Amino acid sequence: MGKIQNIVNHLHDRGSKRPIPYNHRKTIIASSSNCSHLTENNLPIPSSYNKIFASAWTDTDHVVVGTKCNKLLEINVQSGAKREIPLMRSAYPREVPDQSAGIHAIAMNPSRSFLATGGHNVNDLALYTMPDFQPYAVGEFHQSWLFGISWINDFMLCTGARDGNVCLWTIFDVEGFSTYVPDCGIYRKTPIEILKNDGIERIRDTHFNPYCERLGSIGYGSVEAKMCILDVRRPLTNRVIKLPQKNENIVVTGHDSSPLFAVGSLHHLMLVDDRDPDTTDITSVKILEPAQGIRSLSFQGDIITIGACRTSLMFYDVRNRKYVHDHDNKPVMRTLRYGYVADNWDWHIHRYSFLPPSTSDVMSIMTHCYDDSGLRLFAAGGPLPLELTGNYAAIWE
């Protein structure tokens, strides 16, 4: 354990000392004067792709997305051109789960030299060198679906999965944790640290807050919703706190310049203020009706952008502790106008028996991300009900 801790400390210090241009995004879109004027520009996605779960900008013109049908797709937001990126397979393939969860996480390291996502086996971590998507490594350890990925610095990243484990990995060729396989031209990696999450049996998402250097992971115990907050500085310590909202806690994000995390649930936005670890403060904010089921969150300055079902986008001001309002003093709620739902038996059953007869009422923003300028917001997803197939993607600006 001491040797592993020394490796973690060395890599963390090495990453901290290297000057990395952190993305200080302008709060141009997410402001009371601008977000009410957002325009939705549709990006049609072929019907063969079902539900976009994850996304990341790779440069000013391209976004890469991951789907429920386990596809990795690069989209040119200017031309609409698309290309499918081959998924990485382990040099020693493990048994692929019978039921595929799809790609739930995509993350670029700060210098944008590596992209981390899921592999052909949905339990695996896949690392590509950028910008050419060259296969670099497959990380093997998780025994169930990979749900969360977050970079700690340019060299280290963490993953969270449904097996309840949060793992720490490095891109470096560290003896005992990395093996090069010449026949495949990739590395086979194992975690340099497996982080304990007492009482959490299933991890649903994980996010590293660079300001306080703490990792927040959300998940479930036997009956309770919990969050584990881990300090990655020496020595590694963690705390597990109970969350007041228990239904569908599936997304967590962090503030760029304060020890604040945001967690999305079925009917609430939870603000977890970890300024004082001894008395972590949690505030629950009811989401605006008719929205339900927060599926994506991001901070842009003090504004949280919320992606949900039924009402696609909302904006919450954490400094003023209220939703962003328009000039008529009404909360800004942007509803999508596009999206595709397969016209099949399941759609008709849901449409007439359970849900309003509107495509926008079943669509959910499952992922969103701002570009470097803060002027463009990529949002994507698909129909929320499990039985329905379809997709949605658009640029809001």
Protein backbone atom coordinates (compact mmCIF):
# COMPACT_ATOMS: atom_id res chain seq x y z
CA MET A 1 0.00 0.00 0.00
CA GLY A 2 2.89 2.36 0.79
CA LYS A 3 4.43 1.83 -2.66
CA ILE A 4 1.12 2.52 -4.38
CA GLN A 5 0.60 5.64 -2.28
CA ASN A 6 4.05 6.91 -3.29
CA ILE A 7 3.19 6.40 -6.97
CA VAL A 8 -0.09 8.28 -6.54
CA ASN A 9 1.62 11.15 -4.73
CA HIS A 10 4.40 11.38 -7.32
CA LEU A 11 2.01 11.44 -10.27
CA HIS A 12 -0.29 13.94 -8.58
CA ASP A 13 2.61 16.28 -7.81
CA ARG A 14 3.95 15.88 -11.33
CA GLY A 15 0.59 16.78 -12.78
CA SER A 16 0.15 19.73 -10.42
CA LYS A 17 3.53 21.25 -11.27
CA ARG A 18 3.10 21.10 -15.00
CA PRO A 19 1.51 24.31 -16.35
CA ILE A 20 -1.77 23.29 -17.95
CA PRO A 21 -4.01 25.87 -19.64
CA TYR A 22 -7.23 25.37 -17.72
CA ASN A 23 -10.41 26.19 -19.57
CA HIS A 24 -11.70 29.41 -17.97
CA ARG A 25 -14.95 29.70 -19.88
CA LYS A 26 -16.76 32.97 -20.24
CA THR A 27 -20.24 33.13 -18.80
CA ILE A 28 -21.67 34.55 -22.01
CA ILE A 29 -24.56 32.20 -22.71
CA ALA A 30 -25.50 31.42 -19.13
CA SER A 31 -26.49 34.89 -18.03
CA SER A 32 -29.85 36.47 -17.37
CA SER A 33 -29.51 38.67 -20.44
CA ASN A 34 -28.61 35.93 -22.92
CA CYS A 35 -29.89 32.46 -22.05
CA SER A 36 -33.51 33.44 -22.75
CA HIS A 37 -32.49 34.16 -26.37
CA LEU A 38 -30.82 30.83 -27.09
CA THR A 39 -31.58 29.45 -30.55
CA GLU A 40 -31.74 25.72 -31.20
CA ASN A 41 -29.91 24.53 -34.33
CA ASN A 42 -30.73 20.93 -35.14
CA LEU A 43 -27.98 18.38 -35.84
CA PRO A 44 -29.79 15.40 -37.41
CA ILE A 45 -28.47 12.02 -36.26
CA PRO A 46 -29.13 8.84 -38.29
CA SER A 47 -31.92 6.71 -36.86
CA SER A 48 -29.51 3.80 -36.41
CA TYR A 49 -28.01 5.57 -33.36
CA ASN A 50 -30.03 5.26 -30.17
CA LYS A 51 -29.83 7.84 -27.35
CA ILE A 52 -26.72 9.96 -26.88
CA PHE A 53 -25.44 9.55 -23.33
CA ALA A 54 -22.11 11.40 -23.34
CA SER A 55 -20.31 14.16 -25.23
CA ALA A 56 -17.18 16.32 -25.36
CA TRP A 57 -15.82 19.02 -27.65
CA THR A 58 -12.56 17.91 -29.28
CA ASP A 59 -11.90 21.22 -31.07
CA THR A 60 -13.83 24.27 -32.26
CA ASP A 61 -15.69 22.33 -34.97
CA HIS A 62 -16.07 18.80 -33.63
CA VAL A 63 -17.92 17.00 -30.86
CA VAL A 64 -17.55 13.32 -30.02
CA VAL A 65 -20.56 11.49 -28.57
CA GLY A 66 -21.28 8.09 -27.05
CA THR A 67 -24.57 6.26 -27.50
CA LYS A 68 -26.73 3.70 -25.75
CA CYS A 69 -26.10 1.34 -28.67
CA ASN A 70 -22.38 1.48 -27.78
CA LYS A 71 -21.15 3.65 -30.65
CA LEU A 72 -18.56 6.43 -30.60
CA LEU A 73 -19.40 9.12 -33.16
CA GLU A 74 -17.57 12.29 -34.14
CA ILE A 75 -19.78 15.13 -35.41
CA ASN A 76 -18.66 18.20 -37.36
CA VAL A 77 -21.02 20.85 -35.99
CA GLN A 78 -20.38 23.13 -38.98
CA SER A 79 -20.98 20.73 -41.86
CA GLY A 80 -22.97 18.04 -40.08
CA ALA A 81 -20.53 15.37 -41.31
CA LYS A 82 -20.18 12.32 -39.08
CA ARG A 83 -17.72 9.47 -38.70
CA GLU A 84 -17.79 6.48 -36.42
CA ILE A 85 -14.71 5.87 -34.26
CA PRO A 86 -13.82 2.18 -33.81
CA LEU A 87 -14.20 1.03 -30.23
CA MET A 88 -11.15 -0.38 -28.51
CA ARG A 89 -10.93 -4.04 -27.63
CA SER A 90 -8.67 -5.52 -25.01
CA ALA A 91 -5.68 -7.55 -26.11
CA TYR A 92 -7.14 -10.30 -23.91
CA PRO A 93 -10.89 -9.81 -24.36
CA ARG A 94 -13.09 -10.38 -21.38
CA GLU A 95 -16.64 -11.63 -21.63
CA VAL A 96 -18.88 -8.84 -22.86
CA PRO A 97 -21.99 -8.33 -20.69
CA ASP A 98 -25.18 -9.73 -22.20
CA GLN A 99 -26.95 -6.43 -21.76
CA SER A 100 -24.93 -3.48 -23.04
CA ALA A 101 -25.26 -0.20 -21.16
CA GLY A 102 -23.68 1.86 -23.93
CA ILE A 103 -21.12 4.65 -23.53
CA HIS A 104 -22.03 6.78 -20.53
CA ALA A 105 -18.87 8.88 -20.17
CA ILE A 106 -16.41 10.80 -22.33
CA ALA A 107 -13.71 13.09 -20.95
CA MET A 108 -10.75 14.99 -22.41
CA ASN A 109 -7.67 15.66 -20.30
CA PRO A 110 -6.83 19.37 -19.71
CA SER A 111 -4.28 19.61 -22.54
CA ARG A 112 -6.61 17.68 -24.87
CA SER A 113 -3.93 15.15 -25.72
CA PHE A 114 -5.99 12.17 -24.49
CA LEU A 115 -9.64 11.18 -24.66
CA ALA A 116 -11.07 8.68 -22.17
CA THR A 117 -14.31 6.78 -22.73
CA GLY A 118 -15.78 3.28 -22.67
CA GLY A 119 -14.56 0.35 -24.73
CA HIS A 120 -16.14 -2.41 -26.79
CA ASN A 121 -16.64 -4.14 -23.47
CA VAL A 122 -18.80 -1.63 -21.57
CA ASN A 123 -16.91 -2.43 -18.35
CA ASP A 124 -13.57 -1.27 -19.80
CA LEU A 125 -11.84 2.10 -19.94
CA ALA A 126 -10.53 3.14 -23.38
CA LEU A 127 -7.82 5.77 -23.90
CA TYR A 128 -7.19 7.43 -27.25
CA THR A 129 -4.43 9.88 -28.19
CA MET A 130 -5.78 13.04 -29.74
CA PRO A 131 -6.54 14.61 -32.11
CA ASP A 132 -6.40 11.54 -34.34
CA PHE A 133 -8.19 9.01 -32.07
CA GLN A 134 -5.24 6.62 -32.09
CA PRO A 135 -5.83 3.65 -29.74
CA TYR A 136 -3.50 3.91 -26.74
CA ALA A 137 -4.70 1.72 -23.89
CA VAL A 138 -7.53 -0.37 -22.48
CA GLY A 139 -8.10 -0.30 -18.73
CA GLU A 140 -9.41 -3.53 -17.26
CA PHE A 141 -10.78 -3.93 -13.75
CA HIS A 142 -14.45 -2.97 -13.42
CA GLN A 143 -16.89 -5.87 -13.27
CA SER A 144 -19.93 -3.87 -14.35
CA TRP A 145 -20.88 -0.90 -16.50
CA LEU A 146 -18.58 2.12 -16.56
CA PHE A 147 -20.64 5.20 -15.69
CA GLY A 148 -18.27 8.04 -14.78
CA ILE A 149 -14.88 9.35 -15.93
CA SER A 150 -13.06 12.45 -14.65
CA TRP A 151 -9.47 13.65 -15.15
CA ILE A 152 -7.54 14.74 -12.06
CA ASN A 153 -4.70 16.27 -14.05
CA ASP A 154 -3.07 15.71 -17.44
CA PHE A 155 -1.77 12.27 -16.43
CA MET A 156 -4.25 10.81 -13.95
CA LEU A 157 -7.96 10.05 -14.19
CA CYS A 158 -10.60 8.24 -12.20
CA THR A 159 -13.51 6.01 -13.15
CA GLY A 160 -16.67 4.95 -11.37
CA ALA A 161 -18.80 1.94 -12.24
CA ARG A 162 -21.87 0.00 -11.26
CA ASP A 163 -19.68 -2.50 -9.41
CA GLY A 164 -19.28 0.13 -6.66
CA ASN A 165 -15.61 0.82 -7.33
CA VAL A 166 -13.89 4.12 -8.03
CA CYS A 167 -10.48 3.54 -9.61
CA LEU A 168 -7.47 5.74 -10.18
CA TRP A 169 -5.48 5.30 -13.42
CA THR A 170 -2.45 6.87 -15.07
CA ILE A 171 -1.49 7.21 -18.73
CA PHE A 172 2.16 6.52 -17.83
CA ASP A 173 3.78 3.14 -18.27
CA VAL A 174 4.09 2.34 -14.55
CA GLU A 175 5.61 -1.05 -13.77
CA GLY A 176 3.04 -3.44 -12.40
CA PHE A 177 0.07 -1.43 -13.66
CA SER A 178 0.73 -1.20 -17.41
CA THR A 179 1.79 -3.77 -20.02
CA TYR A 180 2.49 -3.02 -23.67
CA VAL A 181 1.04 -5.58 -26.09
CA PRO A 182 3.04 -5.37 -29.36
CA ASP A 183 0.62 -7.48 -31.40
CA CYS A 184 -2.18 -4.97 -30.69
CA GLY A 185 -0.09 -1.82 -30.42
CA ILE A 186 -1.80 -0.74 -27.19
CA TYR A 187 -1.23 -0.84 -23.45
CA ARG A 188 -3.19 -3.05 -21.11
CA LYS A 189 -3.70 -1.16 -17.85
CA THR A 190 -4.94 -1.82 -14.34
CA PRO A 191 -5.77 0.80 -11.68
CA ILE A 192 -2.93 2.24 -9.59
CA GLU A 193 -5.42 2.68 -6.74
CA ILE A 194 -8.89 1.33 -5.92
CA LEU A 195 -10.64 3.89 -3.78
CA LYS A 196 -12.93 2.79 -0.97
CA ASN A 197 -16.55 3.94 -0.94
CA ASP A 198 -17.98 2.61 2.30
CA GLY A 199 -21.60 1.61 1.93
CA ILE A 200 -21.89 2.52 -1.77
CA GLU A 201 -22.70 -0.55 -3.82
CA ARG A 202 -23.25 1.11 -7.21
CA ILE A 203 -21.45 4.22 -8.49
CA ARG A 204 -23.53 6.31 -10.90
CA ASP A 205 -21.18 9.21 -11.66
CA THR A 206 -17.93 10.79 -10.51
CA HIS A 207 -16.42 14.27 -10.89
CA PHE A 208 -13.12 15.87 -9.84
CA ASN A 209 -13.35 19.45 -8.54
CA PRO A 210 -10.00 21.11 -9.43
CA TYR A 211 -10.48 23.99 -7.01
CA CYS A 212 -10.57 21.93 -3.82
CA GLU A 213 -8.87 18.86 -5.35
CA ARG A 214 -11.69 16.61 -4.21
CA LEU A 215 -13.41 13.86 -6.08
CA GLY A 216 -17.17 13.56 -5.70
CA SER A 217 -18.82 10.21 -6.53
CA ILE A 218 -22.53 9.51 -6.23
CA GLY A 219 -24.25 6.16 -5.94
CA TYR A 220 -26.49 3.94 -3.88
CA GLY A 221 -26.20 1.66 -0.91
CA SER A 222 -28.85 -0.90 -0.10
CA VAL A 223 -31.61 1.70 0.38
CA GLU A 224 -29.87 5.06 0.63
CA ALA A 225 -28.49 7.56 -1.87
CA LYS A 226 -24.94 8.55 -0.96
CA MET A 227 -22.03 10.69 -2.06
CA CYS A 228 -18.40 9.91 -1.42
CA ILE A 229 -16.03 12.90 -1.27
CA LEU A 230 -12.38 11.97 -1.63
CA ASP A 231 -9.41 14.29 -1.07
CA VAL A 232 -6.81 13.25 -3.64
CA ARG A 233 -4.05 15.15 -1.86
CA ARG A 234 -1.79 13.26 0.51
CA PRO A 235 -2.92 11.17 2.22
CA LEU A 236 -5.94 9.72 0.40
CA THR A 237 -8.97 10.10 2.64
CA ASN A 238 -12.67 9.86 1.97
CA ARG A 239 -16.02 10.71 3.52
CA VAL A 240 -19.43 9.25 2.71
CA ILE A 241 -22.49 11.46 3.21
CA LYS A 242 -26.19 10.70 2.80
CA LEU A 243 -28.09 12.64 0.17
CA PRO A 244 -31.58 13.92 1.07
CA GLN A 245 -33.04 13.08 -2.34
CA LYS A 246 -33.01 9.36 -3.16
CA ASN A 247 -34.64 9.05 -6.58
CA GLU A 248 -32.55 8.88 -9.77
CA ASN A 249 -29.36 10.57 -8.56
CA ILE A 250 -27.31 9.96 -11.69
CA VAL A 251 -25.18 13.06 -12.40
CA VAL A 252 -22.66 15.14 -10.43
CA THR A 253 -20.52 18.12 -11.44
CA GLY A 254 -18.33 20.66 -9.66
CA HIS A 255 -17.71 24.41 -9.55
CA ASP A 256 -14.48 25.64 -11.15
CA SER A 257 -13.60 28.06 -8.36
CA SER A 258 -15.26 26.86 -5.13
CA PRO A 259 -15.66 23.59 -3.16
CA LEU A 260 -19.20 23.19 -4.45
CA PHE A 261 -20.73 20.14 -6.12
CA ALA A 262 -24.12 19.87 -7.84
CA VAL A 263 -26.08 16.61 -7.95
CA GLY A 264 -29.14 16.00 -10.12
CA SER A 265 -32.09 13.83 -9.08
CA LEU A 266 -35.63 13.13 -10.25
CA HIS A 267 -37.23 16.31 -8.88
CA HIS A 268 -34.38 18.27 -7.26
CA LEU A 269 -31.03 19.90 -7.81
CA MET A 270 -28.80 19.33 -4.77
CA LEU A 271 -25.97 21.75 -3.95
CA VAL A 272 -23.27 20.12 -1.84
CA ASP A 273 -21.04 22.75 -0.22
CA ASP A 274 -17.89 21.04 1.02
CA ARG A 275 -16.19 24.18 2.32
CA ASP A 276 -16.06 22.68 5.80
CA PRO A 277 -15.65 18.89 5.58
CA ASP A 278 -16.89 18.51 9.16
CA THR A 279 -20.24 20.13 8.37
CA THR A 280 -20.95 19.56 4.68
CA ASP A 281 -23.97 21.68 3.76
CA ILE A 282 -26.57 20.27 1.33
CA THR A 283 -29.32 22.41 -0.19
CA SER A 284 -32.15 20.90 -2.25
CA VAL A 285 -33.74 23.04 -4.97
CA LYS A 286 -36.96 21.89 -6.63
CA ILE A 287 -36.66 21.82 -10.41
CA LEU A 288 -39.14 23.80 -12.44
CA GLU A 289 -42.32 22.09 -13.62
CA PRO A 290 -43.03 20.35 -15.92
CA ALA A 291 -39.38 19.26 -16.03
CA GLN A 292 -38.36 16.05 -14.33
CA GLY A 293 -35.38 13.76 -14.21
CA ILE A 294 -32.15 15.79 -14.31
CA ARG A 295 -29.81 13.98 -16.68
CA SER A 296 -26.97 16.47 -17.28
CA LEU A 297 -25.36 19.32 -15.33
CA SER A 298 -22.53 21.79 -15.89
CA PHE A 299 -21.16 24.89 -14.22
CA GLN A 300 -20.31 27.96 -16.25
CA GLY A 301 -19.13 30.43 -13.66
CA ASP A 302 -21.89 30.68 -11.04
CA ILE A 303 -24.59 29.44 -13.41
CA ILE A 304 -25.60 25.78 -13.51
CA THR A 305 -27.01 24.57 -16.81
CA ILE A 306 -29.55 21.80 -16.23
CA GLY A 307 -30.58 19.25 -18.85
CA ALA A 308 -33.77 17.35 -18.08
CA CYS A 309 -36.81 15.66 -19.54
CA ARG A 310 -39.90 17.56 -20.79
CA THR A 311 -38.26 20.97 -20.40
CA SER A 312 -34.86 20.58 -21.96
CA LEU A 313 -32.76 23.40 -20.46
CA MET A 314 -32.91 25.45 -17.25
CA PHE A 315 -30.37 27.72 -15.59
CA TYR A 316 -29.74 28.14 -11.87
CA ASP A 317 -27.70 30.98 -10.33
CA VAL A 318 -25.84 29.60 -7.29
CA ARG A 319 -24.69 33.04 -6.14
CA ASN A 320 -28.20 34.47 -5.97
CA ARG A 321 -29.78 31.09 -5.14
CA LYS A 322 -32.50 31.31 -7.75
CA TYR A 323 -33.27 30.30 -11.31
CA VAL A 324 -32.23 32.71 -14.04
CA HIS A 325 -35.20 34.87 -15.11
CA ASP A 326 -35.92 36.65 -18.37
CA HIS A 327 -36.85 40.32 -18.83
CA ASP A 328 -40.45 39.48 -17.92
CA ASN A 329 -39.22 38.05 -14.62
CA LYS A 330 -40.14 34.50 -15.60
CA PRO A 331 -37.75 31.55 -15.16
CA VAL A 332 -35.92 30.74 -18.38
CA MET A 333 -36.98 27.31 -19.64
CA ARG A 334 -35.92 26.30 -23.15
CA THR A 335 -37.91 23.46 -24.73
CA LEU A 336 -36.46 21.52 -27.64
CA ARG A 337 -38.25 21.49 -30.99
CA TYR A 338 -36.38 18.66 -32.65
CA GLY A 339 -35.58 15.02 -31.98
CA TYR A 340 -36.36 11.62 -33.41
CA VAL A 341 -38.44 8.82 -31.87
CA ALA A 342 -38.82 5.52 -33.71
CA ASP A 343 -42.42 5.03 -34.80
CA ASN A 344 -42.93 1.54 -33.45
CA TRP A 345 -45.29 -0.36 -31.16
CA ASP A 346 -43.53 0.75 -27.97
CA TRP A 347 -43.86 4.41 -28.98
CA HIS A 348 -47.60 4.12 -29.55
CA ILE A 349 -48.15 2.27 -26.28
CA HIS A 350 -46.34 4.99 -24.32
CA ARG A 351 -47.79 7.81 -26.35
CA TYR A 352 -51.41 6.97 -25.72
CA SER A 353 -51.27 5.16 -22.39
CA PHE A 354 -48.71 6.97 -20.29
CA LEU A 355 -47.27 10.10 -21.84
CA PRO A 356 -48.51 13.26 -23.57
CA PRO A 357 -48.66 12.87 -27.38
CA SER A 358 -45.65 15.11 -28.01
CA THR A 359 -42.14 14.09 -29.00
CA SER A 360 -40.63 16.88 -26.88
CA ASP A 361 -42.40 15.52 -23.79
CA VAL A 362 -40.46 12.24 -23.93
CA MET A 363 -37.12 13.73 -24.97
CA SER A 364 -34.38 14.31 -22.42
CA ILE A 365 -31.11 16.23 -22.56
CA MET A 366 -28.84 13.42 -21.36
CA THR A 367 -25.58 15.26 -22.03
CA HIS A 368 -24.43 18.78 -22.78
CA CYS A 369 -21.15 20.68 -22.97
CA TYR A 370 -19.99 24.22 -23.75
CA ASP A 371 -17.24 25.00 -26.22
CA ASP A 372 -14.16 26.95 -25.10
CA SER A 373 -15.67 30.33 -25.95
CA GLY A 374 -18.83 29.70 -23.94
CA LEU A 375 -20.80 30.88 -26.97
CA ARG A 376 -22.06 27.48 -28.10
CA LEU A 377 -23.77 24.74 -26.12
CA PHE A 378 -23.94 21.23 -27.55
CA ALA A 379 -26.91 19.31 -26.15
CA ALA A 380 -27.95 15.76 -26.95
CA GLY A 381 -29.97 12.82 -25.71
CA GLY A 382 -33.09 11.00 -26.77
CA PRO A 383 -36.38 9.63 -25.45
CA LEU A 384 -36.20 8.93 -21.72
CA PRO A 385 -38.43 5.79 -21.46
CA LEU A 386 -36.29 2.67 -21.63
CA GLU A 387 -38.44 0.99 -24.28
CA LEU A 388 -38.32 3.88 -26.74
CA THR A 389 -35.55 4.39 -29.29
CA GLY A 390 -34.47 7.65 -30.88
CA ASN A 391 -32.00 10.48 -30.57
CA TYR A 392 -31.53 14.23 -30.31
CA ALA A 393 -28.61 16.59 -30.94
CA ALA A 394 -28.42 20.35 -31.39
CA ILE A 395 -26.25 23.41 -30.96
CA TRP A 396 -27.77 26.17 -28.82
CA GLU A 397 -26.27 29.61 -29.34
